[in-house]
PDB file of N, CA and C in Angstrom:
ATOM      1  N   MET A   1     120.888  79.170  83.181  1.00  0.00           N
ATOM      2  CA  MET A   1     119.879  80.072  82.649  1.00  0.00           C
ATOM      3  C   MET A   1     120.560  81.108  81.770  1.00  0.00           C
ATOM      4  N   SER A   2     119.824  81.569  80.790  1.00  0.00           N
ATOM      5  CA  SER A   2     120.360  82.611  79.915  1.00  0.00           C
ATOM      6  C   SER A   2     119.970  83.988  80.459  1.00  0.00           C
ATOM      7  N   SER A   3     120.520  85.028  79.857  1.00  0.00           N
ATOM      8  CA  SER A   3     120.329  86.382  80.376  1.00  0.00           C
ATOM      9  C   SER A   3     118.864  86.800  80.392  1.00  0.00           C
ATOM     10  N   TRP A   4     118.093  86.456  79.360  1.00  0.00           N
ATOM     11  CA  TRP A   4     116.684  86.874  79.345  1.00  0.00           C
ATOM     12  C   TRP A   4     115.883  86.154  80.429  1.00  0.00           C
ATOM     13  N   GLN A   5     116.286  84.936  80.775  1.00  0.00           N
ATOM     14  CA  GLN A   5     115.595  84.221  81.854  1.00  0.00           C
ATOM     15  C   GLN A   5     115.921  84.854  83.211  1.00  0.00           C
ATOM     16  N   PHE A   6     117.186  85.253  83.400  1.00  0.00           N
ATOM     17  CA  PHE A   6     117.568  85.938  84.623  1.00  0.00           C
ATOM     18  C   PHE A   6     116.814  87.255  84.771  1.00  0.00           C
ATOM     19  N   VAL A   7     116.664  87.999  83.683  1.00  0.00           N
ATOM     20  CA  VAL A   7     115.949  89.283  83.736  1.00  0.00           C
ATOM     21  C   VAL A   7     114.531  89.069  84.231  1.00  0.00           C
ATOM     22  N   ARG A   8     113.836  88.106  83.685  1.00  0.00           N
ATOM     23  CA  ARG A   8     112.456  87.857  84.089  1.00  0.00           C
ATOM     24  C   ARG A   8     112.376  87.348  85.529  1.00  0.00           C
ATOM     25  N   PHE A   9     113.341  86.524  85.931  1.00  0.00           N
ATOM     26  CA  PHE A   9     113.381  86.019  87.300  1.00  0.00           C
ATOM     27  C   PHE A   9     113.608  87.163  88.286  1.00  0.00           C
ATOM     28  N   ILE A  10     114.569  88.028  87.989  1.00  0.00           N
ATOM     29  CA  ILE A  10     114.873  89.170  88.858  1.00  0.00           C
ATOM     30  C   ILE A  10     113.690  90.127  88.917  1.00  0.00           C
ATOM     31  N   ALA A  11     113.050  90.395  87.772  1.00  0.00           N
ATOM     32  CA  ALA A  11     111.881  91.275  87.750  1.00  0.00           C
ATOM     33  C   ALA A  11     110.766  90.696  88.612  1.00  0.00           C
ATOM     34  N   GLY A  12     110.550  89.392  88.526  1.00  0.00           N
ATOM     35  CA  GLY A  12     109.530  88.757  89.351  1.00  0.00           C
ATOM     36  C   GLY A  12     109.808  88.893  90.832  1.00  0.00           C
ATOM     37  N   ILE A  13     111.064  88.690  91.215  1.00  0.00           N
ATOM     38  CA  ILE A  13     111.452  88.851  92.624  1.00  0.00           C
ATOM     39  C   ILE A  13     111.231  90.295  93.080  1.00  0.00           C
ATOM     40  N   PHE A  14     111.662  91.263  92.257  1.00  0.00           N
ATOM     41  CA  PHE A  14     111.482  92.675  92.610  1.00  0.00           C
ATOM     42  C   PHE A  14     110.005  93.018  92.785  1.00  0.00           C
ATOM     43  N   ILE A  15     109.158  92.523  91.885  1.00  0.00           N
ATOM     44  CA  ILE A  15     107.731  92.820  91.969  1.00  0.00           C
ATOM     45  C   ILE A  15     107.121  92.214  93.232  1.00  0.00           C
ATOM     46  N   LEU A  16     107.425  90.950  93.492  1.00  0.00           N
ATOM     47  CA  LEU A  16     106.861  90.305  94.681  1.00  0.00           C
ATOM     48  C   LEU A  16     107.340  90.964  95.972  1.00  0.00           C
ATOM     49  N   LEU A  17     108.614  91.308  96.040  1.00  0.00           N
ATOM     50  CA  LEU A  17     109.135  91.974  97.238  1.00  0.00           C
ATOM     51  C   LEU A  17     108.518  93.353  97.433  1.00  0.00           C
ATOM     52  N   SER A  18     108.438  94.133  96.361  1.00  0.00           N
ATOM     53  CA  SER A  18     107.890  95.480  96.498  1.00  0.00           C
ATOM     54  C   SER A  18     106.406  95.440  96.848  1.00  0.00           C
ATOM     55  N   LEU A  19     105.678  94.442  96.356  1.00  0.00           N
ATOM     56  CA  LEU A  19     104.281  94.292  96.768  1.00  0.00           C
ATOM     57  C   LEU A  19     104.195  93.910  98.247  1.00  0.00           C
ATOM     58  N   ALA A  20     105.057  93.000  98.672  1.00  0.00           N
ATOM     59  CA  ALA A  20     105.056  92.605 100.085  1.00  0.00           C
ATOM     60  C   ALA A  20     105.393  93.787 100.985  1.00  0.00           C
ATOM     61  N   PHE A  21     106.311  94.631 100.574  1.00  0.00           N
ATOM     62  CA  PHE A  21     106.708  95.790 101.370  1.00  0.00           C
ATOM     63  C   PHE A  21     105.709  96.940 101.275  1.00  0.00           C
ATOM     64  N   GLY A  22     104.860  96.954 100.232  1.00  0.00           N
ATOM     65  CA  GLY A  22     103.991  98.108  99.996  1.00  0.00           C
ATOM     66  C   GLY A  22     102.526  97.926 100.305  1.00  0.00           C
ATOM     67  N   ILE A  23     102.073  96.702 100.515  1.00  0.00           N
ATOM     68  CA  ILE A  23     100.657  96.467 100.801  1.00  0.00           C
ATOM     69  C   ILE A  23     100.453  96.440 102.315  1.00  0.00           C
ATOM     70  N   PRO A  24      99.585  97.305 102.827  1.00  0.00           N
ATOM     71  CA  PRO A  24      99.431  97.430 104.280  1.00  0.00           C
ATOM     72  C   PRO A  24      99.083  96.131 105.012  1.00  0.00           C
ATOM     73  N   GLY A  25      98.411  95.185 104.406  1.00  0.00           N
ATOM     74  CA  GLY A  25      98.052  93.949 105.090  1.00  0.00           C
ATOM     75  C   GLY A  25      99.179  92.937 105.182  1.00  0.00           C
ATOM     76  N   SER A  26     100.292  93.224 104.543  1.00  0.00           N
ATOM     77  CA  SER A  26     101.410  92.280 104.506  1.00  0.00           C
ATOM     78  C   SER A  26     102.137  92.242 105.846  1.00  0.00           C
ATOM     79  N   PRO A  27     102.618  91.075 106.258  1.00  0.00           N
ATOM     80  CA  PRO A  27     103.371  90.998 107.521  1.00  0.00           C
ATOM     81  C   PRO A  27     104.729  91.699 107.468  1.00  0.00           C
ATOM     82  N   VAL A  28     105.227  91.977 106.281  1.00  0.00           N
ATOM     83  CA  VAL A  28     106.518  92.671 106.151  1.00  0.00           C
ATOM     84  C   VAL A  28     106.337  94.093 105.600  1.00  0.00           C
ATOM     85  N   TYR A  29     105.143  94.648 105.792  1.00  0.00           N
ATOM     86  CA  TYR A  29     104.828  95.998 105.302  1.00  0.00           C
ATOM     87  C   TYR A  29     105.807  97.031 105.845  1.00  0.00           C
ATOM     88  N   ILE A  30     106.277  97.896 104.943  1.00  0.00           N
ATOM     89  CA  ILE A  30     107.165  98.988 105.334  1.00  0.00           C
ATOM     90  C   ILE A  30     106.495 100.331 105.054  1.00  0.00           C
ATOM     91  N   ASN A  31     106.134 100.544 103.778  1.00  0.00           N
ATOM     92  CA  ASN A  31     105.567 101.824 103.367  1.00  0.00           C
ATOM     93  C   ASN A  31     104.885 101.636 102.019  1.00  0.00           C
ATOM     94  N   GLN A  32     103.809 102.391 101.767  1.00  0.00           N
ATOM     95  CA  GLN A  32     103.100 102.261 100.497  1.00  0.00           C
ATOM     96  C   GLN A  32     103.927 102.745  99.306  1.00  0.00           C
ATOM     97  N   TRP A  33     104.968 103.516  99.546  1.00  0.00           N
ATOM     98  CA  TRP A  33     105.802 103.995  98.446  1.00  0.00           C
ATOM     99  C   TRP A  33     106.562 102.864  97.761  1.00  0.00           C
ATOM    100  N   TRP A  34     106.626 101.682  98.369  1.00  0.00           N
ATOM    101  CA  TRP A  34     107.243 100.532  97.702  1.00  0.00           C
ATOM    102  C   TRP A  34     106.455 100.149  96.457  1.00  0.00           C
ATOM    103  N   LEU A  35     105.179 100.514  96.402  1.00  0.00           N
ATOM    104  CA  LEU A  35     104.385 100.219  95.205  1.00  0.00           C
ATOM    105  C   LEU A  35     104.886 101.009  93.998  1.00  0.00           C
ATOM    106  N   ALA A  36     105.547 102.145  94.222  1.00  0.00           N
ATOM    107  CA  ALA A  36     106.147 102.895  93.119  1.00  0.00           C
ATOM    108  C   ALA A  36     107.263 102.071  92.469  1.00  0.00           C
ATOM    109  N   PHE A  37     107.959 101.263  93.252  1.00  0.00           N
ATOM    110  CA  PHE A  37     108.998 100.399  92.695  1.00  0.00           C
ATOM    111  C   PHE A  37     108.382  99.326  91.805  1.00  0.00           C
ATOM    112  N   THR A  38     107.202  98.827  92.201  1.00  0.00           N
ATOM    113  CA  THR A  38     106.480  97.876  91.365  1.00  0.00           C
ATOM    114  C   THR A  38     106.165  98.500  90.007  1.00  0.00           C
ATOM    115  N   ALA A  39     105.697  99.744  90.026  1.00  0.00           N
ATOM    116  CA  ALA A  39     105.388 100.455  88.782  1.00  0.00           C
ATOM    117  C   ALA A  39     106.658 100.673  87.956  1.00  0.00           C
ATOM    118  N   PHE A  40     107.766 100.991  88.601  1.00  0.00           N
ATOM    119  CA  PHE A  40     109.037 101.196  87.917  1.00  0.00           C
ATOM    120  C   PHE A  40     109.480  99.936  87.185  1.00  0.00           C
ATOM    121  N   VAL A  41     109.376  98.782  87.847  1.00  0.00           N
ATOM    122  CA  VAL A  41     109.755  97.520  87.216  1.00  0.00           C
ATOM    123  C   VAL A  41     108.841  97.226  86.032  1.00  0.00           C
ATOM    124  N   GLY A  42     107.543  97.433  86.206  1.00  0.00           N
ATOM    125  CA  GLY A  42     106.602  97.221  85.111  1.00  0.00           C
ATOM    126  C   GLY A  42     106.885  98.134  83.929  1.00  0.00           C
ATOM    127  N   PHE A  43     107.187  99.398  84.204  1.00  0.00           N
ATOM    128  CA  PHE A  43     107.524 100.342  83.139  1.00  0.00           C
ATOM    129  C   PHE A  43     108.767  99.885  82.382  1.00  0.00           C
ATOM    130  N   ASN A  44     109.777  99.420  83.107  1.00  0.00           N
ATOM    131  CA  ASN A  44     111.002  98.964  82.454  1.00  0.00           C
ATOM    132  C   ASN A  44     110.769  97.707  81.616  1.00  0.00           C
ATOM    133  N   LEU A  45     109.888  96.826  82.061  1.00  0.00           N
ATOM    134  CA  LEU A  45     109.554  95.655  81.257  1.00  0.00           C
ATOM    135  C   LEU A  45     108.877  96.072  79.951  1.00  0.00           C
ATOM    136  N   MET A  46     107.948  97.052  80.028  1.00  0.00           N
ATOM    137  CA  MET A  46     107.298  97.545  78.807  1.00  0.00           C
ATOM    138  C   MET A  46     108.300  98.236  77.888  1.00  0.00           C
ATOM    139  N   GLN A  47     109.181  99.044  78.466  1.00  0.00           N
ATOM    140  CA  GLN A  47     110.186  99.746  77.676  1.00  0.00           C
ATOM    141  C   GLN A  47     111.092  98.764  76.954  1.00  0.00           C
ATOM    142  N   SER A  48     111.499  97.712  77.621  1.00  0.00           N
ATOM    143  CA  SER A  48     112.393  96.746  76.982  1.00  0.00           C
ATOM    144  C   SER A  48     111.680  95.974  75.875  1.00  0.00           C
ATOM    145  N   ALA A  49     110.388  95.755  76.026  1.00  0.00           N
ATOM    146  CA  ALA A  49     109.628  95.079  74.973  1.00  0.00           C
ATOM    147  C   ALA A  49     109.516  95.957  73.729  1.00  0.00           C
ATOM    148  N   LEU A  50     109.366  97.261  73.923  1.00  0.00           N
ATOM    149  CA  LEU A  50     109.205  98.175  72.794  1.00  0.00           C
ATOM    150  C   LEU A  50     110.525  98.517  72.114  1.00  0.00           C
ATOM    151  N   THR A  51     111.593  98.646  72.884  1.00  0.00           N
ATOM    152  CA  THR A  51     112.871  99.064  72.314  1.00  0.00           C
ATOM    153  C   THR A  51     113.815  97.904  72.024  1.00  0.00           C
ATOM    154  N   LYS A  52     113.473  96.710  72.525  1.00  0.00           N
ATOM    155  CA  LYS A  52     114.320  95.519  72.386  1.00  0.00           C
ATOM    156  C   LYS A  52     115.687  95.707  73.045  1.00  0.00           C
ATOM    157  N   TRP A  53     115.741  96.531  74.110  1.00  0.00           N
ATOM    158  CA  TRP A  53     116.963  96.753  74.873  1.00  0.00           C
ATOM    159  C   TRP A  53     116.609  96.785  76.353  1.00  0.00           C
ATOM    160  N   CYS A  54     117.407  96.098  77.166  1.00  0.00           N
ATOM    161  CA  CYS A  54     117.174  96.030  78.602  1.00  0.00           C
ATOM    162  C   CYS A  54     118.504  96.232  79.322  1.00  0.00           C
ATOM    163  N   LEU A  55     118.560  97.218  80.194  1.00  0.00           N
ATOM    164  CA  LEU A  55     119.782  97.516  80.923  1.00  0.00           C
ATOM    165  C   LEU A  55     120.202  96.342  81.798  1.00  0.00           C
ATOM    166  N   MET A  56     119.250  95.695  82.459  1.00  0.00           N
ATOM    167  CA  MET A  56     119.593  94.547  83.317  1.00  0.00           C
ATOM    168  C   MET A  56     120.232  93.430  82.506  1.00  0.00           C
ATOM    169  N   GLU A  57     119.735  93.188  81.308  1.00  0.00           N
ATOM    170  CA  GLU A  57     120.315  92.141  80.465  1.00  0.00           C
ATOM    171  C   GLU A  57     121.737  92.513  80.046  1.00  0.00           C
ATOM    172  N   THR A  58     121.968  93.777  79.753  1.00  0.00           N
ATOM    173  CA  THR A  58     123.304  94.243  79.412  1.00  0.00           C
ATOM    174  C   THR A  58     124.266  94.039  80.588  1.00  0.00           C
ATOM    175  N   ILE A  59     123.807  94.375  81.779  1.00  0.00           N
ATOM    176  CA  ILE A  59     124.635  94.194  82.978  1.00  0.00           C
ATOM    177  C   ILE A  59     124.945  92.721  83.195  1.00  0.00           C
ATOM    178  N   LEU A  60     123.929  91.866  83.058  1.00  0.00           N
ATOM    179  CA  LEU A  60     124.142  90.432  83.260  1.00  0.00           C
ATOM    180  C   LEU A  60     125.122  89.855  82.246  1.00  0.00           C
ATOM    181  N   ARG A  61     125.037  90.299  81.018  1.00  0.00           N
ATOM    182  CA  ARG A  61     125.974  89.810  79.991  1.00  0.00           C
ATOM    183  C   ARG A  61     127.398  90.215  80.314  1.00  0.00           C
ATOM    184  N   LYS A  62     127.574  91.436  80.839  1.00  0.00           N
ATOM    185  CA  LYS A  62     128.920  91.878  81.207  1.00  0.00           C
ATOM    186  C   LYS A  62     129.447  91.100  82.419  1.00  0.00           C
ATOM    187  N   LEU A  63     128.535  90.556  83.215  1.00  0.00           N
ATOM    188  CA  LEU A  63     128.934  89.739  84.362  1.00  0.00           C
ATOM    189  C   LEU A  63     129.204  88.295  83.960  1.00  0.00           C
ATOM    190  N   GLY A  64     129.014  87.981  82.687  1.00  0.00           N
ATOM    191  CA  GLY A  64     129.356  86.654  82.202  1.00  0.00           C
ATOM    192  C   GLY A  64     128.195  85.708  81.971  1.00  0.00           C
ATOM    193  N   VAL A  65     126.968  86.174  82.163  1.00  0.00           N
ATOM    194  CA  VAL A  65     125.801  85.323  81.912  1.00  0.00           C
ATOM    195  C   VAL A  65     125.641  85.188  80.397  1.00  0.00           C
ATOM    196  N   ARG A  66     125.397  83.967  79.942  1.00  0.00           N
ATOM    197  CA  ARG A  66     125.306  83.752  78.502  1.00  0.00           C
ATOM    198  C   ARG A  66     124.030  84.350  77.934  1.00  0.00           C
ATOM    199  N   ALA A  67     124.136  84.849  76.719  1.00  0.00           N
ATOM    200  CA  ALA A  67     122.979  85.412  76.010  1.00  0.00           C
ATOM    201  C   ALA A  67     122.044  84.292  75.593  1.00  0.00           C
ATOM    202  N   GLY A  68     120.771  84.585  75.549  1.00  0.00           N
ATOM    203  CA  GLY A  68     119.785  83.598  75.127  1.00  0.00           C
ATOM    204  C   GLY A  68     119.134  83.999  73.829  1.00  0.00           C
ATOM    205  N   CYS A  69     118.300  83.111  73.319  1.00  0.00           N
ATOM    206  CA  CYS A  69     117.593  83.379  72.057  1.00  0.00           C
ATOM    207  C   CYS A  69     116.330  84.136  72.301  1.00  0.00           C
TER     208      CYS A  69
END
């Protein structure tokens, strides 16, 4: 996978986990404040779309993940 695919995969995992931890009906519910993490991930996705820069992608590239188109 290329770096942009990893970014989207990681964002998806973060969103699903934070929803599972933040929704009271979930069997793994911890606290509703986990929903703030969902908002944080969404905000960062919007920011990267507008600025064409993503910190996670930069980190992944430095770890050796190949850049994608």
